[in-house]
Amino acid sequence: MEGFIPLQVSDEFKGKYFELFYELSKEAFEAAKRESGVRRFMTKKQCCEFIGISFNHLQKLEKLGLPVIELEGKVLLDREDVIKFMCKYKK
């Protein structure tokens, strides 16, 4: 390959480089997620839209153990809890 200069680096350098790349990628992903309007906590209506189910079906999932957060009269669902719950039923 023309113009190619081999560069030798230590395993420690490679590890730190990949660690830095991973952290930067993770931060960029989280920033993009925040800016896209995707929030971790959802109302029941947002959760229904997220999963693609009716409100009545969401109530059935709650009876099966889908965790909800009740905070001063407001009910929210954690997106991560919803994903974990749904994955338990994956076949």
PDB file of N, CA and C in Angstrom:
ATOM      1  N   MET A   1       0.865  -1.163   0.000  1.00  0.00           N
ATOM      2  CA  MET A   1       0.000   0.000   0.000  1.00  0.00           C
ATOM      3  C   MET A   1       0.915   1.229   0.000  1.00  0.00           C
ATOM      4  N   GLU A   2       0.747   2.078  -0.958  1.00  0.00           N
ATOM      5  CA  GLU A   2       1.587   3.269  -1.095  1.00  0.00           C
ATOM      6  C   GLU A   2       1.272   4.297  -0.018  1.00  0.00           C
ATOM      7  N   GLY A   3       2.321   4.861   0.567  1.00  0.00           N
ATOM      8  CA  GLY A   3       2.139   5.878   1.591  1.00  0.00           C
ATOM      9  C   GLY A   3       1.781   5.308   2.949  1.00  0.00           C
ATOM     10  N   PHE A   4       1.862   4.021   3.100  1.00  0.00           N
ATOM     11  CA  PHE A   4       1.506   3.378   4.360  1.00  0.00           C
ATOM     12  C   PHE A   4       2.741   3.298   5.249  1.00  0.00           C
ATOM     13  N   ILE A   5       2.641   3.816   6.444  1.00  0.00           N
ATOM     14  CA  ILE A   5       3.742   3.751   7.402  1.00  0.00           C
ATOM     15  C   ILE A   5       3.259   2.946   8.600  1.00  0.00           C
ATOM     16  N   PRO A   6       3.871   1.793   8.832  1.00  0.00           N
ATOM     17  CA  PRO A   6       3.437   0.987   9.984  1.00  0.00           C
ATOM     18  C   PRO A   6       3.771   1.702  11.297  1.00  0.00           C
ATOM     19  N   LEU A   7       2.853   1.624  12.209  1.00  0.00           N
ATOM     20  CA  LEU A   7       3.038   2.265  13.504  1.00  0.00           C
ATOM     21  C   LEU A   7       2.838   1.212  14.578  1.00  0.00           C
ATOM     22  N   GLN A   8       3.821   1.061  15.411  1.00  0.00           N
ATOM     23  CA  GLN A   8       3.723   0.093  16.489  1.00  0.00           C
ATOM     24  C   GLN A   8       3.401   0.831  17.784  1.00  0.00           C
ATOM     25  N   VAL A   9       2.367   0.346  18.451  1.00  0.00           N
ATOM     26  CA  VAL A   9       1.990   0.944  19.733  1.00  0.00           C
ATOM     27  C   VAL A   9       1.837  -0.173  20.757  1.00  0.00           C
ATOM     28  N   SER A  10       1.982   0.191  21.993  1.00  0.00           N
ATOM     29  CA  SER A  10       1.895  -0.800  23.067  1.00  0.00           C
ATOM     30  C   SER A  10       0.455  -1.258  23.267  1.00  0.00           C
ATOM     31  N   ASP A  11       0.310  -2.412  23.881  1.00  0.00           N
ATOM     32  CA  ASP A  11      -1.028  -2.921  24.208  1.00  0.00           C
ATOM     33  C   ASP A  11      -1.728  -1.978  25.174  1.00  0.00           C
ATOM     34  N   GLU A  12      -0.961  -1.360  26.072  1.00  0.00           N
ATOM     35  CA  GLU A  12      -1.533  -0.394  27.017  1.00  0.00           C
ATOM     36  C   GLU A  12      -2.137   0.794  26.257  1.00  0.00           C
ATOM     37  N   PHE A  13      -1.416   1.282  25.258  1.00  0.00           N
ATOM     38  CA  PHE A  13      -1.921   2.397  24.453  1.00  0.00           C
ATOM     39  C   PHE A  13      -3.194   1.994  23.719  1.00  0.00           C
ATOM     40  N   LYS A  14      -3.170   0.809  23.114  1.00  0.00           N
ATOM     41  CA  LYS A  14      -4.358   0.317  22.396  1.00  0.00           C
ATOM     42  C   LYS A  14      -5.553   0.248  23.337  1.00  0.00           C
ATOM     43  N   GLY A  15      -5.321  -0.285  24.538  1.00  0.00           N
ATOM     44  CA  GLY A  15      -6.404  -0.401  25.511  1.00  0.00           C
ATOM     45  C   GLY A  15      -6.968   0.946  25.900  1.00  0.00           C
ATOM     46  N   LYS A  16      -6.084   1.903  26.145  1.00  0.00           N
ATOM     47  CA  LYS A  16      -6.539   3.253  26.519  1.00  0.00           C
ATOM     48  C   LYS A  16      -7.254   3.925  25.352  1.00  0.00           C
ATOM     49  N   TYR A  17      -6.763   3.709  24.145  1.00  0.00           N
ATOM     50  CA  TYR A  17      -7.401   4.274  22.947  1.00  0.00           C
ATOM     51  C   TYR A  17      -8.824   3.730  22.801  1.00  0.00           C
ATOM     52  N   PHE A  18      -8.973   2.422  22.892  1.00  0.00           N
ATOM     53  CA  PHE A  18     -10.302   1.826  22.746  1.00  0.00           C
ATOM     54  C   PHE A  18     -11.226   2.241  23.888  1.00  0.00           C
ATOM     55  N   GLU A  19     -10.687   2.367  25.084  1.00  0.00           N
ATOM     56  CA  GLU A  19     -11.483   2.827  26.228  1.00  0.00           C
ATOM     57  C   GLU A  19     -11.977   4.254  25.992  1.00  0.00           C
ATOM     58  N   LEU A  20     -11.087   5.119  25.519  1.00  0.00           N
ATOM     59  CA  LEU A  20     -11.471   6.496  25.217  1.00  0.00           C
ATOM     60  C   LEU A  20     -12.520   6.540  24.106  1.00  0.00           C
ATOM     61  N   PHE A  21     -12.301   5.759  23.059  1.00  0.00           N
ATOM     62  CA  PHE A  21     -13.257   5.705  21.949  1.00  0.00           C
ATOM     63  C   PHE A  21     -14.625   5.236  22.436  1.00  0.00           C
ATOM     64  N   TYR A  22     -14.632   4.222  23.304  1.00  0.00           N
ATOM     65  CA  TYR A  22     -15.883   3.705  23.851  1.00  0.00           C
ATOM     66  C   TYR A  22     -16.609   4.784  24.653  1.00  0.00           C
ATOM     67  N   GLU A  23     -15.893   5.476  25.526  1.00  0.00           N
ATOM     68  CA  GLU A  23     -16.516   6.513  26.354  1.00  0.00           C
ATOM     69  C   GLU A  23     -17.070   7.660  25.502  1.00  0.00           C
ATOM     70  N   LEU A  24     -16.314   8.078  24.497  1.00  0.00           N
ATOM     71  CA  LEU A  24     -16.785   9.151  23.613  1.00  0.00           C
ATOM     72  C   LEU A  24     -18.017   8.708  22.833  1.00  0.00           C
ATOM     73  N   SER A  25     -18.006   7.473  22.365  1.00  0.00           N
ATOM     74  CA  SER A  25     -19.162   6.939  21.631  1.00  0.00           C
ATOM     75  C   SER A  25     -20.388   6.865  22.528  1.00  0.00           C
ATOM     76  N   LYS A  26     -20.174   6.417  23.765  1.00  0.00           N
ATOM     77  CA  LYS A  26     -21.280   6.297  24.727  1.00  0.00           C
ATOM     78  C   LYS A  26     -21.876   7.675  25.022  1.00  0.00           C
ATOM     79  N   GLU A  27     -21.024   8.672  25.243  1.00  0.00           N
ATOM     80  CA  GLU A  27     -21.500  10.031  25.506  1.00  0.00           C
ATOM     81  C   GLU A  27     -22.263  10.586  24.308  1.00  0.00           C
ATOM     82  N   ALA A  28     -21.756  10.339  23.102  1.00  0.00           N
ATOM     83  CA  ALA A  28     -22.429  10.826  21.898  1.00  0.00           C
ATOM     84  C   ALA A  28     -23.795  10.163  21.739  1.00  0.00           C
ATOM     85  N   PHE A  29     -23.865   8.861  22.022  1.00  0.00           N
ATOM     86  CA  PHE A  29     -25.129   8.146  21.925  1.00  0.00           C
ATOM     87  C   PHE A  29     -26.143   8.686  22.923  1.00  0.00           C
ATOM     88  N   GLU A  30     -25.705   8.892  24.163  1.00  0.00           N
ATOM     89  CA  GLU A  30     -26.598   9.421  25.197  1.00  0.00           C
ATOM     90  C   GLU A  30     -27.075  10.826  24.839  1.00  0.00           C
ATOM     91  N   ALA A  31     -26.198  11.656  24.308  1.00  0.00           N
ATOM     92  CA  ALA A  31     -26.579  13.012  23.906  1.00  0.00           C
ATOM     93  C   ALA A  31     -27.593  12.954  22.774  1.00  0.00           C
ATOM     94  N   ALA A  32     -27.372  12.086  21.808  1.00  0.00           N
ATOM     95  CA  ALA A  32     -28.313  11.950  20.687  1.00  0.00           C
ATOM     96  C   ALA A  32     -29.670  11.467  21.178  1.00  0.00           C
ATOM     97  N   LYS A  33     -29.649  10.556  22.135  1.00  0.00           N
ATOM     98  CA  LYS A  33     -30.897  10.038  22.693  1.00  0.00           C
ATOM     99  C   LYS A  33     -31.669  11.149  23.400  1.00  0.00           C
ATOM    100  N   ARG A  34     -30.948  11.964  24.189  1.00  0.00           N
ATOM    101  CA  ARG A  34     -31.604  13.073  24.893  1.00  0.00           C
ATOM    102  C   ARG A  34     -32.199  14.068  23.893  1.00  0.00           C
ATOM    103  N   GLU A  35     -31.457  14.374  22.862  1.00  0.00           N
ATOM    104  CA  GLU A  35     -31.897  15.373  21.896  1.00  0.00           C
ATOM    105  C   GLU A  35     -33.033  14.873  21.013  1.00  0.00           C
ATOM    106  N   SER A  36     -33.173  13.555  20.877  1.00  0.00           N
ATOM    107  CA  SER A  36     -34.220  13.005  20.020  1.00  0.00           C
ATOM    108  C   SER A  36     -35.579  12.972  20.714  1.00  0.00           C
ATOM    109  N   GLY A  37     -35.599  13.327  21.987  1.00  0.00           N
ATOM    110  CA  GLY A  37     -36.875  13.319  22.718  1.00  0.00           C
ATOM    111  C   GLY A  37     -37.173  11.988  23.376  1.00  0.00           C
ATOM    112  N   VAL A  38     -36.270  11.031  23.247  1.00  0.00           N
ATOM    113  CA  VAL A  38     -36.474   9.736  23.893  1.00  0.00           C
ATOM    114  C   VAL A  38     -36.091   9.892  25.355  1.00  0.00           C
ATOM    115  N   ARG A  39     -37.079   9.732  26.195  1.00  0.00           N
ATOM    116  CA  ARG A  39     -36.846   9.887  27.630  1.00  0.00           C
ATOM    117  C   ARG A  39     -36.893   8.528  28.309  1.00  0.00           C
ATOM    118  N   ARG A  40     -36.197   8.445  29.412  1.00  0.00           N
ATOM    119  CA  ARG A  40     -36.165   7.181  30.143  1.00  0.00           C
ATOM    120  C   ARG A  40     -37.511   6.876  30.786  1.00  0.00           C
ATOM    121  N   PHE A  41     -38.170   7.888  31.345  1.00  0.00           N
ATOM    122  CA  PHE A  41     -39.436   7.673  32.041  1.00  0.00           C
ATOM    123  C   PHE A  41     -40.592   8.116  31.152  1.00  0.00           C
ATOM    124  N   MET A  42     -41.629   7.278  31.091  1.00  0.00           N
ATOM    125  CA  MET A  42     -42.752   7.510  30.182  1.00  0.00           C
ATOM    126  C   MET A  42     -44.066   7.476  30.951  1.00  0.00           C
ATOM    127  N   THR A  43     -45.042   8.187  30.408  1.00  0.00           N
ATOM    128  CA  THR A  43     -46.400   8.048  30.903  1.00  0.00           C
ATOM    129  C   THR A  43     -46.950   6.733  30.347  1.00  0.00           C
ATOM    130  N   LYS A  44     -48.112   6.328  30.841  1.00  0.00           N
ATOM    131  CA  LYS A  44     -48.723   5.100  30.324  1.00  0.00           C
ATOM    132  C   LYS A  44     -49.021   5.226  28.834  1.00  0.00           C
ATOM    133  N   LYS A  45     -49.471   6.400  28.421  1.00  0.00           N
ATOM    134  CA  LYS A  45     -49.777   6.617  27.006  1.00  0.00           C
ATOM    135  C   LYS A  45     -48.505   6.482  26.157  1.00  0.00           C
ATOM    136  N   GLN A  46     -47.419   7.091  26.614  1.00  0.00           N
ATOM    137  CA  GLN A  46     -46.163   6.992  25.882  1.00  0.00           C
ATOM    138  C   GLN A  46     -45.664   5.545  25.838  1.00  0.00           C
ATOM    139  N   CYS A  47     -45.871   4.829  26.938  1.00  0.00           N
ATOM    140  CA  CYS A  47     -45.455   3.430  27.000  1.00  0.00           C
ATOM    141  C   CYS A  47     -46.247   2.584  25.996  1.00  0.00           C
ATOM    142  N   CYS A  48     -47.531   2.829  25.916  1.00  0.00           N
ATOM    143  CA  CYS A  48     -48.363   2.108  24.948  1.00  0.00           C
ATOM    144  C   CYS A  48     -47.858   2.344  23.524  1.00  0.00           C
ATOM    145  N   GLU A  49     -47.512   3.583  23.224  1.00  0.00           N
ATOM    146  CA  GLU A  49     -46.984   3.912  21.902  1.00  0.00           C
ATOM    147  C   GLU A  49     -45.617   3.251  21.687  1.00  0.00           C
ATOM    148  N   PHE A  50     -44.790   3.246  22.715  1.00  0.00           N
ATOM    149  CA  PHE A  50     -43.456   2.657  22.642  1.00  0.00           C
ATOM    150  C   PHE A  50     -43.541   1.168  22.325  1.00  0.00           C
ATOM    151  N   ILE A  51     -44.433   0.455  23.030  1.00  0.00           N
ATOM    152  CA  ILE A  51     -44.566  -0.989  22.837  1.00  0.00           C
ATOM    153  C   ILE A  51     -45.454  -1.312  21.642  1.00  0.00           C
ATOM    154  N   GLY A  52     -46.413  -0.436  21.373  1.00  0.00           N
ATOM    155  CA  GLY A  52     -47.349  -0.689  20.281  1.00  0.00           C
ATOM    156  C   GLY A  52     -48.544  -1.507  20.729  1.00  0.00           C
ATOM    157  N   ILE A  53     -49.061  -1.178  21.924  1.00  0.00           N
ATOM    158  CA  ILE A  53     -50.206  -1.910  22.476  1.00  0.00           C
ATOM    159  C   ILE A  53     -51.274  -0.929  22.933  1.00  0.00           C
ATOM    160  N   SER A  54     -52.443  -1.474  23.268  1.00  0.00           N
ATOM    161  CA  SER A  54     -53.537  -0.646  23.781  1.00  0.00           C
ATOM    162  C   SER A  54     -53.357  -0.400  25.274  1.00  0.00           C
ATOM    163  N   PHE A  55     -54.101   0.575  25.768  1.00  0.00           N
ATOM    164  CA  PHE A  55     -54.066   0.885  27.198  1.00  0.00           C
ATOM    165  C   PHE A  55     -54.539  -0.315  28.021  1.00  0.00           C
ATOM    166  N   ASN A  56     -55.596  -1.005  27.538  1.00  0.00           N
ATOM    167  CA  ASN A  56     -56.106  -2.184  28.261  1.00  0.00           C
ATOM    168  C   ASN A  56     -55.049  -3.280  28.343  1.00  0.00           C
ATOM    169  N   HIS A  57     -54.303  -3.455  27.270  1.00  0.00           N
ATOM    170  CA  HIS A  57     -53.260  -4.486  27.292  1.00  0.00           C
ATOM    171  C   HIS A  57     -52.142  -4.095  28.266  1.00  0.00           C
ATOM    172  N   LEU A  58     -51.838  -2.801  28.350  1.00  0.00           N
ATOM    173  CA  LEU A  58     -50.834  -2.339  29.301  1.00  0.00           C
ATOM    174  C   LEU A  58     -51.264  -2.672  30.734  1.00  0.00           C
ATOM    175  N   GLN A  59     -52.541  -2.502  31.025  1.00  0.00           N
ATOM    176  CA  GLN A  59     -53.046  -2.836  32.357  1.00  0.00           C
ATOM    177  C   GLN A  59     -52.870  -4.325  32.651  1.00  0.00           C
ATOM    178  N   LYS A  60     -53.048  -5.176  31.628  1.00  0.00           N
ATOM    179  CA  LYS A  60     -52.835  -6.618  31.807  1.00  0.00           C
ATOM    180  C   LYS A  60     -51.367  -6.901  32.112  1.00  0.00           C
ATOM    181  N   LEU A  61     -50.472  -6.182  31.428  1.00  0.00           N
ATOM    182  CA  LEU A  61     -49.046  -6.371  31.682  1.00  0.00           C
ATOM    183  C   LEU A  61     -48.674  -5.936  33.096  1.00  0.00           C
ATOM    184  N   GLU A  62     -49.311  -4.886  33.581  1.00  0.00           N
ATOM    185  CA  GLU A  62     -49.081  -4.446  34.966  1.00  0.00           C
ATOM    186  C   GLU A  62     -49.470  -5.555  35.939  1.00  0.00           C
ATOM    187  N   LYS A  63     -50.585  -6.233  35.661  1.00  0.00           N
ATOM    188  CA  LYS A  63     -51.028  -7.328  36.529  1.00  0.00           C
ATOM    189  C   LYS A  63     -50.057  -8.501  36.480  1.00  0.00           C
ATOM    190  N   LEU A  64     -49.349  -8.641  35.343  1.00  0.00           N
ATOM    191  CA  LEU A  64     -48.346  -9.698  35.212  1.00  0.00           C
ATOM    192  C   LEU A  64     -47.028  -9.331  35.886  1.00  0.00           C
ATOM    193  N   GLY A  65     -46.923  -8.071  36.339  1.00  0.00           N
ATOM    194  CA  GLY A  65     -45.722  -7.667  37.061  1.00  0.00           C
ATOM    195  C   GLY A  65     -44.906  -6.558  36.435  1.00  0.00           C
ATOM    196  N   LEU A  66     -45.410  -5.930  35.381  1.00  0.00           N
ATOM    197  CA  LEU A  66     -44.690  -4.802  34.787  1.00  0.00           C
ATOM    198  C   LEU A  66     -44.553  -3.705  35.838  1.00  0.00           C
ATOM    199  N   PRO A  67     -43.324  -3.324  36.183  1.00  0.00           N
ATOM    200  CA  PRO A  67     -43.137  -2.327  37.244  1.00  0.00           C
ATOM    201  C   PRO A  67     -43.572  -0.923  36.806  1.00  0.00           C
ATOM    202  N   VAL A  68     -44.256  -0.237  37.722  1.00  0.00           N
ATOM    203  CA  VAL A  68     -44.629   1.159  37.498  1.00  0.00           C
ATOM    204  C   VAL A  68     -44.125   1.992  38.663  1.00  0.00           C
ATOM    205  N   ILE A  69     -43.971   3.271  38.409  1.00  0.00           N
ATOM    206  CA  ILE A  69     -43.518   4.211  39.436  1.00  0.00           C
ATOM    207  C   ILE A  69     -44.687   5.135  39.738  1.00  0.00           C
ATOM    208  N   GLU A  70     -45.117   5.171  40.982  1.00  0.00           N
ATOM    209  CA  GLU A  70     -46.186   6.077  41.393  1.00  0.00           C
ATOM    210  C   GLU A  70     -45.560   7.166  42.243  1.00  0.00           C
ATOM    211  N   LEU A  71     -45.657   8.399  41.754  1.00  0.00           N
ATOM    212  CA  LEU A  71     -45.014   9.519  42.418  1.00  0.00           C
ATOM    213  C   LEU A  71     -45.990  10.681  42.485  1.00  0.00           C
ATOM    214  N   GLU A  72     -46.489  10.927  43.687  1.00  0.00           N
ATOM    215  CA  GLU A  72     -47.428  12.020  43.934  1.00  0.00           C
ATOM    216  C   GLU A  72     -48.592  12.032  42.935  1.00  0.00           C
ATOM    217  N   GLY A  73     -49.210  10.867  42.768  1.00  0.00           N
ATOM    218  CA  GLY A  73     -50.376  10.756  41.910  1.00  0.00           C
ATOM    219  C   GLY A  73     -50.085  10.567  40.433  1.00  0.00           C
ATOM    220  N   LYS A  74     -48.830  10.631  40.043  1.00  0.00           N
ATOM    221  CA  LYS A  74     -48.463  10.446  38.642  1.00  0.00           C
ATOM    222  C   LYS A  74     -47.846   9.062  38.494  1.00  0.00           C
ATOM    223  N   VAL A  75     -48.236   8.361  37.440  1.00  0.00           N
ATOM    224  CA  VAL A  75     -47.716   7.019  37.188  1.00  0.00           C
ATOM    225  C   VAL A  75     -46.775   7.083  35.989  1.00  0.00           C
ATOM    226  N   LEU A  76     -45.560   6.586  36.184  1.00  0.00           N
ATOM    227  CA  LEU A  76     -44.562   6.566  35.119  1.00  0.00           C
ATOM    228  C   LEU A  76     -44.001   5.159  34.982  1.00  0.00           C
ATOM    229  N   LEU A  77     -43.459   4.886  33.826  1.00  0.00           N
ATOM    230  CA  LEU A  77     -42.792   3.611  33.583  1.00  0.00           C
ATOM    231  C   LEU A  77     -41.382   3.895  33.115  1.00  0.00           C
ATOM    232  N   ASP A  78     -40.455   3.099  33.617  1.00  0.00           N
ATOM    233  CA  ASP A  78     -39.056   3.212  33.250  1.00  0.00           C
ATOM    234  C   ASP A  78     -38.839   2.410  31.963  1.00  0.00           C
ATOM    235  N   ARG A  79     -38.366   3.076  30.922  1.00  0.00           N
ATOM    236  CA  ARG A  79     -38.160   2.436  29.623  1.00  0.00           C
ATOM    237  C   ARG A  79     -37.302   1.164  29.769  1.00  0.00           C
ATOM    238  N   GLU A  80     -36.279   1.230  30.610  1.00  0.00           N
ATOM    239  CA  GLU A  80     -35.401   0.076  30.806  1.00  0.00           C
ATOM    240  C   GLU A  80     -36.142  -1.082  31.469  1.00  0.00           C
ATOM    241  N   ASP A  81     -37.021  -0.773  32.436  1.00  0.00           N
ATOM    242  CA  ASP A  81     -37.828  -1.824  33.081  1.00  0.00           C
ATOM    243  C   ASP A  81     -38.765  -2.469  32.078  1.00  0.00           C
ATOM    244  N   VAL A  82     -39.350  -1.654  31.204  1.00  0.00           N
ATOM    245  CA  VAL A  82     -40.286  -2.173  30.198  1.00  0.00           C
ATOM    246  C   VAL A  82     -39.551  -3.135  29.271  1.00  0.00           C
ATOM    247  N   ILE A  83     -38.364  -2.752  28.827  1.00  0.00           N
ATOM    248  CA  ILE A  83     -37.597  -3.603  27.924  1.00  0.00           C
ATOM    249  C   ILE A  83     -37.225  -4.912  28.613  1.00  0.00           C
ATOM    250  N   LYS A  84     -36.758  -4.835  29.860  1.00  0.00           N
ATOM    251  CA  LYS A  84     -36.401  -6.051  30.609  1.00  0.00           C
ATOM    252  C   LYS A  84     -37.618  -6.957  30.783  1.00  0.00           C
ATOM    253  N   PHE A  85     -38.763  -6.340  31.129  1.00  0.00           N
ATOM    254  CA  PHE A  85     -39.987  -7.114  31.335  1.00  0.00           C
ATOM    255  C   PHE A  85     -40.387  -7.826  30.048  1.00  0.00           C
ATOM    256  N   MET A  86     -40.353  -7.108  28.943  1.00  0.00           N
ATOM    257  CA  MET A  86     -40.757  -7.694  27.664  1.00  0.00           C
ATOM    258  C   MET A  86     -39.802  -8.812  27.247  1.00  0.00           C
ATOM    259  N   CYS A  87     -38.527  -8.650  27.514  1.00  0.00           N
ATOM    260  CA  CYS A  87     -37.533  -9.653  27.138  1.00  0.00           C
ATOM    261  C   CYS A  87     -37.724 -10.975  27.895  1.00  0.00           C
ATOM    262  N   LYS A  88     -38.315 -10.892  29.095  1.00  0.00           N
ATOM    263  CA  LYS A  88     -38.572 -12.115  29.862  1.00  0.00           C
ATOM    264  C   LYS A  88     -39.535 -13.026  29.119  1.00  0.00           C
ATOM    265  N   TYR A  89     -40.366 -12.457  28.246  1.00  0.00           N
ATOM    266  CA  TYR A  89     -41.370 -13.244  27.530  1.00  0.00           C
ATOM    267  C   TYR A  89     -40.957 -13.568  26.101  1.00  0.00           C
ATOM    268  N   LYS A  90     -39.714 -13.227  25.772  1.00  0.00           N
ATOM    269  CA  LYS A  90     -39.213 -13.505  24.426  1.00  0.00           C
ATOM    270  C   LYS A  90     -39.018 -15.010  24.268  1.00  0.00           C
ATOM    271  N   LYS A  91     -39.449 -15.535  23.141  1.00  0.00           N
ATOM    272  CA  LYS A  91     -39.290 -16.989  22.871  1.00  0.00           C
ATOM    273  C   LYS A  91     -38.346 -17.192  21.725  1.00  0.00           C
TER     274      LYS A  91
END
